[in-house]
Amino acid sequence: MLMKFIEFFVLQLLSQPAILLGLVALIGLIIQKRSIDQIIMGSLKTTIGVVIIGAGAGVISGSLIPLGEILNVGFSIKGVMPTNEAVLPFAIKNFGSMGALVMVGGFIINIILARVTKFKFVYLTGHIMFYVSLFVTAIYVSIAHLSGIPLFVVGSITMGLYFTLMPALLNPYTSKISGGENFTVGHTGDVGYWFSAWIGKYVGNPENSAEKFKLPKSLSFFRDSTASMAVTMVIIFLVAVVAAGMSYVEANVSKGTNAIIFAVMQGLLFAGGVTVVLAGVRMMLSEIIPAFSGISEKLIPGAIPAIDCPVLFPYAPTALIFGFISMFVGMTIGMFVQMGLGALYIILPGIVPAFFAGGTAGIFGNSTGGWKGAIVGPFIVGIILTVGTGYLIPSTGALATTGSTFGDPFYATVGLGFAKLVTALTSLGL
């Protein structure tokens, strides 16, 4: 009975970012002793803001998934797709119950550490928390053969440290990007974001921001993020459709819609999705930050929420596109490197991680290295993500044969190192 309640609490409540952040806003406003109408309004607007972000992200993913298929067919590529949402059903089937427990235990440890240490970060990206908890559980089960209480304890400690330390790594850069706003990013692109910000200092100048690009008057519409994204994505879709063949697209992807019309509409759909995300971010931030100050003042002095990466999209939309395209190119090159090395698993360039993780990496790179940083960091991260993920797959046990895998920079770097460490410790009998 207790296990079913915990599974419901985690899988149905905490893994829903809108509900989790809405509850945080509710608690914060109650602690501040706000009026009933302010509590209801603040909680609802926070929740609805996150729902809007999720709706926009769904539109973006919905437009990118067919693009990935078209590109794979157009360039005759087959392999493993690095997309978290694709591997999720298999991960839940094999590790869902213990993964849920590990997430709860890790979150409790995160709150304790935020209360008693100098690391005041509270991880609030519910679905990412669940994904990483499933990954860590898979590694401990598949390599160390842990189960029961030992698995719960070790997994919870691991996740508690992750939830606390990774946002701390990004906070100095996030603060610079946002102009000192009281939040940081909690997302598994974290290693890529940090690397892009770090290398940006050596390849460019933040004064030469991607947002300052001077354009001819005839192209000045590119200064508008919605227009620039629409044009860019329409062009990308058109190239992909031509490469795959219009007849293939119409028969297998567009459900009979003319391939050119389909390409144009998917590009516009993508831009519309990004616009929706930006609107949701603005609504959510306007409520969650003041509400979170109540928790900061009373329960965890100085607490800083770590939230999903789209929260940074409004600050550098041009760098977002630079990072997206650059990381996709890097992932493509990484795939060919794998082919040349005769890798057992060939990782396909994932459009979804390229946009969310690559685009956000572009924003971090831009903050320290301008437009050059927005390009160089995500490009290198794309190569690392592809090659590293290929080496990680054998460590994921039952998930290794699903045709999909976890698809963000964290898994290909720290995640790979973590798997190798667990392997080494297990071989020593520890």
Protein backbone atom coordinates (compact mmCIF):
# COMPACT_ATOMS: atom_id res chain seq x y z
CA MET A 1 0.00 0.00 0.00
CA LEU A 2 2.80 2.38 0.95
CA MET A 3 4.68 1.50 -2.23
CA LYS A 4 1.62 2.22 -4.36
CA PHE A 5 1.19 5.58 -2.66
CA ILE A 6 4.85 6.46 -3.24
CA GLU A 7 4.61 5.40 -6.90
CA PHE A 8 1.49 7.55 -7.30
CA PHE A 9 3.12 10.48 -5.50
CA VAL A 10 6.24 10.35 -7.68
CA LEU A 11 4.95 9.13 -11.05
CA GLN A 12 1.72 11.12 -11.05
CA LEU A 13 2.60 14.20 -8.97
CA LEU A 14 6.30 14.99 -8.51
CA SER A 15 7.19 13.97 -12.07
CA GLN A 16 4.74 16.61 -13.33
CA PRO A 17 6.67 19.91 -13.37
CA ALA A 18 3.49 22.01 -13.34
CA ILE A 19 2.15 20.35 -10.19
CA LEU A 20 5.53 20.37 -8.44
CA LEU A 21 6.20 24.05 -9.09
CA GLY A 22 2.59 24.95 -8.33
CA LEU A 23 2.93 23.27 -4.93
CA VAL A 24 6.21 25.11 -4.32
CA ALA A 25 4.52 28.43 -5.12
CA LEU A 26 1.57 27.50 -2.88
CA ILE A 27 3.86 26.69 0.06
CA GLY A 28 5.92 29.83 -0.46
CA LEU A 29 2.90 32.10 -0.56
CA ILE A 30 1.36 30.46 2.52
CA ILE A 31 4.62 30.93 4.42
CA GLN A 32 4.55 34.63 3.46
CA LYS A 33 0.99 34.79 4.85
CA ARG A 34 -0.42 36.21 1.64
CA SER A 35 -4.16 36.69 1.25
CA ILE A 36 -6.28 33.81 -0.06
CA ASP A 37 -6.77 35.44 -3.45
CA GLN A 38 -3.02 36.07 -3.82
CA ILE A 39 -2.24 32.47 -2.86
CA ILE A 40 -4.73 31.08 -5.36
CA MET A 41 -3.69 33.45 -8.15
CA GLY A 42 0.05 32.96 -7.61
CA SER A 43 -0.21 29.17 -7.43
CA LEU A 44 -2.47 28.93 -10.47
CA LYS A 45 -0.40 31.30 -12.61
CA THR A 46 2.77 29.39 -11.73
CA THR A 47 1.11 26.09 -12.61
CA ILE A 48 -0.43 27.44 -15.81
CA GLY A 49 2.88 29.03 -16.80
CA VAL A 50 4.59 25.65 -16.55
CA VAL A 51 1.70 24.01 -18.42
CA ILE A 52 2.17 26.56 -21.20
CA ILE A 53 5.91 25.80 -21.28
CA GLY A 54 5.12 22.09 -21.50
CA ALA A 55 2.59 22.67 -24.27
CA GLY A 56 5.11 24.71 -26.23
CA ALA A 57 7.81 22.10 -25.66
CA GLY A 58 5.39 19.45 -26.89
CA VAL A 59 4.78 21.42 -30.07
CA ILE A 60 8.53 21.81 -30.57
CA SER A 61 9.18 18.10 -30.03
CA GLY A 62 6.24 17.22 -32.25
CA SER A 63 7.78 19.19 -35.11
CA LEU A 64 11.32 17.89 -34.52
CA ILE A 65 10.55 14.16 -34.33
CA PRO A 66 9.46 13.86 -37.98
CA LEU A 67 12.46 15.99 -38.96
CA GLY A 68 14.74 13.39 -37.37
CA GLU A 69 13.05 10.61 -39.33
CA ILE A 70 13.26 12.54 -42.58
CA LEU A 71 16.96 13.31 -42.08
CA ASN A 72 17.76 9.69 -41.26
CA VAL A 73 16.01 8.49 -44.42
CA GLY A 74 17.42 11.30 -46.55
CA PHE A 75 20.98 10.45 -45.62
CA SER A 76 20.48 6.65 -45.28
CA ILE A 77 21.44 6.43 -41.61
CA LYS A 78 20.29 3.84 -39.07
CA GLY A 79 21.21 3.62 -35.41
CA VAL A 80 20.18 4.41 -31.82
CA MET A 81 18.09 7.52 -31.15
CA PRO A 82 19.30 9.51 -28.09
CA THR A 83 15.97 10.81 -26.82
CA ASN A 84 14.95 10.63 -23.15
CA GLU A 85 11.24 10.40 -23.93
CA ALA A 86 11.82 7.43 -26.26
CA VAL A 87 13.70 5.33 -23.70
CA LEU A 88 11.41 6.33 -20.81
CA PRO A 89 8.73 3.59 -21.21
CA PHE A 90 11.42 0.88 -21.16
CA ALA A 91 13.14 2.46 -18.16
CA ILE A 92 9.87 2.64 -16.21
CA LYS A 93 9.03 -0.98 -17.07
CA ASN A 94 12.39 -2.27 -15.80
CA PHE A 95 13.30 0.17 -13.02
CA GLY A 96 10.24 2.37 -12.39
CA SER A 97 9.32 1.44 -8.81
CA MET A 98 12.81 1.69 -7.34
CA GLY A 99 13.60 4.69 -9.52
CA ALA A 100 10.64 6.50 -7.97
CA LEU A 101 11.85 5.71 -4.45
CA VAL A 102 15.38 6.83 -5.31
CA MET A 103 14.01 10.12 -6.63
CA VAL A 104 12.08 10.81 -3.42
CA GLY A 105 15.06 9.89 -1.26
CA GLY A 106 17.35 12.05 -3.35
CA PHE A 107 14.99 15.02 -3.17
CA ILE A 108 14.83 14.76 0.63
CA ILE A 109 18.63 14.70 0.82
CA ASN A 110 18.75 17.69 -1.56
CA ILE A 111 16.51 19.69 0.78
CA ILE A 112 18.59 18.71 3.82
CA LEU A 113 21.85 19.68 2.09
CA ALA A 114 20.35 22.99 0.96
CA ARG A 115 19.37 23.66 4.56
CA VAL A 116 22.68 22.79 6.26
CA THR A 117 25.37 23.54 3.65
CA LYS A 118 26.40 26.52 1.53
CA PHE A 119 24.84 24.87 -1.54
CA LYS A 120 21.36 26.41 -1.38
CA PHE A 121 19.97 24.92 -4.58
CA VAL A 122 16.65 23.06 -4.63
CA TYR A 123 16.12 20.96 -7.77
CA LEU A 124 12.60 21.46 -9.11
CA THR A 125 12.64 20.03 -12.65
CA GLY A 126 10.44 17.05 -11.81
CA HIS A 127 10.66 15.04 -15.02
CA ILE A 128 14.45 15.45 -15.23
CA MET A 129 14.72 14.30 -11.60
CA PHE A 130 12.82 11.15 -12.54
CA TYR A 131 14.88 10.49 -15.69
CA VAL A 132 18.20 10.73 -13.85
CA SER A 133 16.89 8.60 -10.98
CA LEU A 134 15.91 5.89 -13.47
CA PHE A 135 19.34 6.11 -15.08
CA VAL A 136 21.20 5.83 -11.76
CA THR A 137 18.98 2.93 -10.71
CA ALA A 138 19.65 1.15 -14.02
CA ILE A 139 23.41 1.49 -13.51
CA TYR A 140 23.35 0.22 -9.92
CA VAL A 141 21.10 -2.72 -10.83
CA SER A 142 22.83 -3.68 -14.09
CA ILE A 143 26.45 -3.32 -12.96
CA ALA A 144 26.55 -3.58 -9.16
CA HIS A 145 23.49 -5.87 -8.95
CA LEU A 146 22.11 -3.88 -6.04
CA SER A 147 18.51 -4.26 -4.89
CA GLY A 148 16.23 -3.44 -1.97
CA ILE A 149 17.45 -1.23 0.87
CA PRO A 150 21.10 -0.97 -0.31
CA LEU A 151 19.93 0.21 -3.73
CA PHE A 152 17.55 2.74 -2.20
CA VAL A 153 20.18 4.16 0.17
CA VAL A 154 23.04 4.37 -2.32
CA GLY A 155 20.77 5.64 -5.09
CA SER A 156 19.21 8.31 -2.87
CA ILE A 157 22.61 9.60 -1.76
CA THR A 158 23.79 9.72 -5.37
CA MET A 159 20.73 11.65 -6.48
CA GLY A 160 20.83 13.99 -3.49
CA LEU A 161 24.37 14.99 -4.41
CA TYR A 162 23.43 15.42 -8.08
CA PHE A 163 20.37 17.56 -7.30
CA THR A 164 22.50 19.78 -5.07
CA LEU A 165 25.84 20.10 -6.86
CA MET A 166 24.99 20.33 -10.56
CA PRO A 167 22.87 23.50 -10.20
CA ALA A 168 25.72 24.98 -8.15
CA LEU A 169 28.08 24.38 -11.07
CA LEU A 170 25.87 26.43 -13.38
CA ASN A 171 24.72 29.16 -11.01
CA PRO A 172 27.48 31.75 -11.67
CA TYR A 173 26.79 31.62 -15.41
CA THR A 174 23.01 31.47 -15.04
CA SER A 175 23.10 34.55 -12.83
CA LYS A 176 25.14 36.39 -15.45
CA ILE A 177 22.75 35.42 -18.24
CA SER A 178 19.61 36.39 -16.32
CA GLY A 179 21.00 39.61 -14.89
CA GLY A 180 21.05 38.35 -11.31
CA GLU A 181 17.60 36.75 -11.11
CA ASN A 182 17.18 34.32 -8.21
CA PHE A 183 17.12 31.01 -10.10
CA THR A 184 19.45 28.56 -11.79
CA VAL A 185 19.03 25.72 -14.27
CA GLY A 186 18.25 22.11 -13.37
CA HIS A 187 18.62 20.04 -16.53
CA THR A 188 20.75 17.14 -17.81
CA GLY A 189 22.35 19.39 -20.40
CA ASP A 190 24.26 20.79 -17.41
CA VAL A 191 27.73 19.47 -18.29
CA GLY A 192 27.36 20.85 -21.81
CA TYR A 193 26.22 24.22 -20.50
CA TRP A 194 29.18 24.47 -18.14
CA PHE A 195 31.65 23.40 -20.84
CA SER A 196 30.24 25.89 -23.36
CA ALA A 197 30.50 28.73 -20.85
CA TRP A 198 34.03 27.66 -19.90
CA ILE A 199 35.40 27.34 -23.43
CA GLY A 200 33.57 30.47 -24.54
CA LYS A 201 36.05 32.53 -22.51
CA TYR A 202 38.88 31.29 -24.73
CA VAL A 203 37.29 31.51 -28.17
CA GLY A 204 35.41 34.80 -28.15
CA ASN A 205 34.30 37.98 -26.43
CA PRO A 206 30.96 38.36 -24.62
CA GLU A 207 30.74 41.88 -26.04
CA ASN A 208 30.29 40.32 -29.48
CA SER A 209 27.00 38.75 -28.48
CA ALA A 210 24.95 36.81 -31.00
CA GLU A 211 22.09 39.12 -30.01
CA LYS A 212 24.00 42.12 -31.43
CA PHE A 213 24.39 40.77 -34.94
CA LYS A 214 24.16 43.62 -37.45
CA LEU A 215 22.00 42.73 -40.40
CA PRO A 216 21.15 44.50 -43.66
CA LYS A 217 17.87 46.38 -43.51
CA SER A 218 16.25 43.82 -45.80
CA LEU A 219 17.05 41.11 -43.25
CA SER A 220 16.24 43.12 -40.14
CA PHE A 221 13.23 40.87 -39.47
CA PHE A 222 15.78 38.32 -38.22
CA ARG A 223 16.10 40.44 -35.08
CA ASP A 224 12.68 39.15 -34.11
CA SER A 225 13.21 35.74 -32.52
CA THR A 226 9.92 34.31 -33.81
CA ALA A 227 10.58 35.38 -37.40
CA SER A 228 14.21 34.22 -37.39
CA MET A 229 13.30 30.82 -35.95
CA ALA A 230 10.48 30.39 -38.47
CA VAL A 231 12.68 31.16 -41.48
CA THR A 232 15.58 29.05 -40.20
CA MET A 233 13.44 26.01 -39.46
CA VAL A 234 11.48 26.22 -42.71
CA ILE A 235 14.78 26.14 -44.61
CA ILE A 236 16.04 23.16 -42.57
CA PHE A 237 12.79 21.26 -43.16
CA LEU A 238 12.86 22.00 -46.89
CA VAL A 239 16.43 20.69 -47.20
CA ALA A 240 15.50 17.54 -45.26
CA VAL A 241 12.39 16.92 -47.38
CA VAL A 242 14.34 17.26 -50.63
CA ALA A 243 17.04 14.89 -49.32
CA ALA A 244 14.52 12.24 -48.25
CA GLY A 245 12.42 12.58 -51.39
CA MET A 246 9.03 14.23 -51.59
CA SER A 247 7.26 10.98 -52.43
CA TYR A 248 8.65 9.27 -49.32
CA VAL A 249 7.65 12.17 -47.07
CA GLU A 250 4.12 12.29 -48.47
CA ALA A 251 3.66 8.51 -48.15
CA ASN A 252 5.23 7.95 -44.74
CA VAL A 253 5.44 11.19 -42.78
CA SER A 254 3.06 13.93 -43.88
CA LYS A 255 0.02 11.64 -44.30
CA GLY A 256 -0.60 12.77 -47.85
CA THR A 257 0.05 16.48 -47.35
CA ASN A 258 2.25 17.99 -50.05
CA ALA A 259 5.86 17.64 -48.86
CA ILE A 260 6.72 21.32 -49.43
CA ILE A 261 3.62 22.49 -47.59
CA PHE A 262 4.42 20.03 -44.81
CA ALA A 263 7.97 21.37 -44.50
CA VAL A 264 6.79 24.97 -44.34
CA MET A 265 4.09 24.21 -41.77
CA GLN A 266 6.43 22.17 -39.56
CA GLY A 267 8.94 25.02 -39.56
CA LEU A 268 6.22 27.49 -38.61
CA LEU A 269 4.89 25.06 -35.99
CA PHE A 270 8.34 24.95 -34.42
CA ALA A 271 8.51 28.75 -34.23
CA GLY A 272 5.03 28.84 -32.75
CA GLY A 273 6.06 26.32 -30.11
CA VAL A 274 9.06 28.41 -29.09
CA THR A 275 6.86 31.50 -28.84
CA VAL A 276 4.47 29.62 -26.56
CA VAL A 277 7.39 28.47 -24.38
CA LEU A 278 8.63 32.04 -24.00
CA ALA A 279 5.18 33.22 -22.92
CA GLY A 280 4.98 30.43 -20.35
CA VAL A 281 8.44 31.24 -19.01
CA ARG A 282 7.51 34.87 -18.46
CA MET A 283 4.30 33.95 -16.63
CA MET A 284 5.98 31.28 -14.48
CA LEU A 285 8.96 33.43 -13.48
CA SER A 286 6.78 36.38 -12.53
CA GLU A 287 5.11 34.19 -9.88
CA ILE A 288 7.56 31.48 -8.79
CA ILE A 289 10.47 33.75 -7.85
CA PRO A 290 8.48 35.98 -5.44
CA ALA A 291 6.73 32.88 -4.03
CA PHE A 292 10.01 31.01 -3.59
CA SER A 293 11.37 33.87 -1.50
CA GLY A 294 8.97 32.70 1.24
CA ILE A 295 10.63 29.30 1.34
CA SER A 296 14.02 30.97 1.18
CA GLU A 297 13.27 33.24 4.13
CA LYS A 298 11.63 30.70 6.44
CA LEU A 299 12.72 27.15 5.62
CA ILE A 300 15.98 27.29 3.64
CA PRO A 301 17.62 30.71 4.00
CA GLY A 302 19.07 31.81 0.67
CA ALA A 303 17.46 28.96 -1.27
CA ILE A 304 17.67 29.13 -5.07
CA PRO A 305 15.32 27.08 -7.30
CA ALA A 306 16.83 25.02 -10.12
CA ILE A 307 14.33 24.86 -12.98
CA ASP A 308 14.13 23.63 -16.57
CA CYS A 309 16.37 25.02 -19.33
CA PRO A 310 13.65 26.87 -21.35
CA VAL A 311 13.69 29.45 -18.54
CA LEU A 312 16.74 30.96 -20.30
CA PHE A 313 15.31 31.06 -23.83
CA PRO A 314 14.05 34.67 -23.61
CA TYR A 315 17.49 36.00 -22.66
CA ALA A 316 19.34 35.05 -25.88
CA PRO A 317 17.05 33.67 -28.60
CA THR A 318 19.63 34.12 -31.38
CA ALA A 319 22.30 32.26 -29.41
CA LEU A 320 19.69 29.55 -28.87
CA ILE A 321 19.44 28.95 -32.62
CA PHE A 322 23.23 29.12 -33.06
CA GLY A 323 23.69 26.48 -30.37
CA PHE A 324 20.95 24.26 -31.77
CA ILE A 325 22.37 24.15 -35.29
CA SER A 326 25.99 23.89 -34.09
CA MET A 327 25.27 20.98 -31.76
CA PHE A 328 23.35 19.13 -34.44
CA VAL A 329 26.34 19.48 -36.78
CA GLY A 330 28.63 18.27 -33.99
CA MET A 331 26.40 15.26 -33.32
CA THR A 332 26.43 14.41 -37.03
CA ILE A 333 30.23 14.53 -37.15
CA GLY A 334 30.33 12.44 -33.96
CA MET A 335 28.19 9.83 -35.70
CA PHE A 336 30.65 9.59 -38.59
CA VAL A 337 33.51 9.31 -36.08
CA GLN A 338 31.70 6.34 -34.55
CA MET A 339 31.29 4.75 -37.96
CA GLY A 340 35.00 5.22 -38.64
CA LEU A 341 35.88 3.60 -35.32
CA GLY A 342 33.57 0.66 -35.98
CA ALA A 343 31.52 1.40 -32.86
CA LEU A 344 29.05 -1.25 -31.69
CA TYR A 345 26.31 1.37 -31.27
CA ILE A 346 25.89 4.20 -33.78
CA ILE A 347 24.17 7.20 -32.17
CA LEU A 348 21.96 9.19 -34.53
CA PRO A 349 21.93 13.00 -34.34
CA GLY A 350 19.01 13.71 -32.01
CA ILE A 351 17.04 16.78 -32.99
CA VAL A 352 15.31 17.13 -29.60
CA PRO A 353 18.51 17.14 -27.47
CA ALA A 354 20.19 19.31 -30.10
CA PHE A 355 17.55 21.98 -29.61
CA PHE A 356 17.04 21.91 -25.84
CA ALA A 357 20.56 20.96 -24.69
CA GLY A 358 22.41 22.45 -27.67
CA GLY A 359 20.38 25.63 -27.83
CA THR A 360 20.79 26.26 -24.11
CA ALA A 361 24.52 25.50 -24.39
CA GLY A 362 24.62 28.21 -27.04
CA ILE A 363 23.15 30.68 -24.54
CA PHE A 364 25.82 29.77 -21.97
CA GLY A 365 28.60 29.97 -24.56
CA ASN A 366 27.32 33.33 -25.75
CA SER A 367 27.45 34.70 -22.19
CA THR A 368 31.23 34.28 -22.04
CA GLY A 369 32.34 34.17 -25.67
CA GLY A 370 29.71 35.96 -27.73
CA TRP A 371 28.59 34.40 -30.99
CA LYS A 372 31.77 32.34 -31.27
CA GLY A 373 31.11 30.81 -27.86
CA ALA A 374 27.52 30.09 -28.92
CA ILE A 375 28.87 28.00 -31.80
CA VAL A 376 32.10 26.37 -30.59
CA GLY A 377 30.90 24.98 -27.25
CA PRO A 378 27.73 23.26 -28.52
CA PHE A 379 29.64 21.89 -31.53
CA ILE A 380 32.21 20.14 -29.33
CA VAL A 381 29.52 19.01 -26.89
CA GLY A 382 27.60 17.47 -29.81
CA ILE A 383 30.57 15.31 -30.75
CA ILE A 384 31.17 14.30 -27.13
CA LEU A 385 27.48 13.50 -26.58
CA THR A 386 27.34 11.19 -29.58
CA VAL A 387 30.59 9.31 -28.97
CA GLY A 388 30.14 9.14 -25.18
CA THR A 389 26.58 7.87 -25.42
CA GLY A 390 27.74 5.04 -27.68
CA TYR A 391 30.15 3.86 -25.00
CA LEU A 392 27.52 4.26 -22.27
CA ILE A 393 24.81 2.03 -23.76
CA PRO A 394 26.31 -1.37 -22.77
CA SER A 395 26.24 -0.26 -19.11
CA THR A 396 22.47 0.32 -19.09
CA GLY A 397 21.54 -3.37 -18.92
CA ALA A 398 18.00 -4.07 -20.11
CA LEU A 399 17.84 -0.69 -21.86
CA ALA A 400 20.75 -1.48 -24.20
CA THR A 401 18.56 -3.26 -26.77
CA THR A 402 15.64 -0.81 -27.00
CA GLY A 403 16.93 1.18 -29.99
CA SER A 404 16.86 4.37 -27.92
CA THR A 405 18.85 5.76 -25.01
CA PHE A 406 19.23 8.72 -22.68
CA GLY A 407 20.18 11.72 -24.79
CA ASP A 408 21.74 14.66 -22.93
CA PRO A 409 25.37 15.68 -22.27
CA PHE A 410 25.22 14.60 -18.61
CA TYR A 411 24.68 10.96 -19.52
CA ALA A 412 27.50 10.91 -22.09
CA THR A 413 30.06 12.46 -19.72
CA VAL A 414 29.41 12.28 -15.97
CA GLY A 415 26.97 9.41 -16.54
CA LEU A 416 29.58 7.44 -18.48
CA GLY A 417 32.22 8.15 -15.83
CA PHE A 418 29.76 7.11 -13.12
CA ALA A 419 29.08 3.81 -14.90
CA LYS A 420 32.81 3.11 -15.23
CA LEU A 421 33.36 3.97 -11.55
CA VAL A 422 30.60 1.60 -10.44
CA THR A 423 32.10 -1.09 -12.68
CA ALA A 424 35.55 -0.61 -11.14
CA LEU A 425 34.24 -0.62 -7.56
CA THR A 426 32.15 -3.72 -8.25
CA SER A 427 35.15 -5.56 -9.69
CA LEU A 428 37.02 -4.79 -6.46
CA GLY A 429 34.18 -6.28 -4.44
CA LEU A 430 33.10 -2.94 -2.97
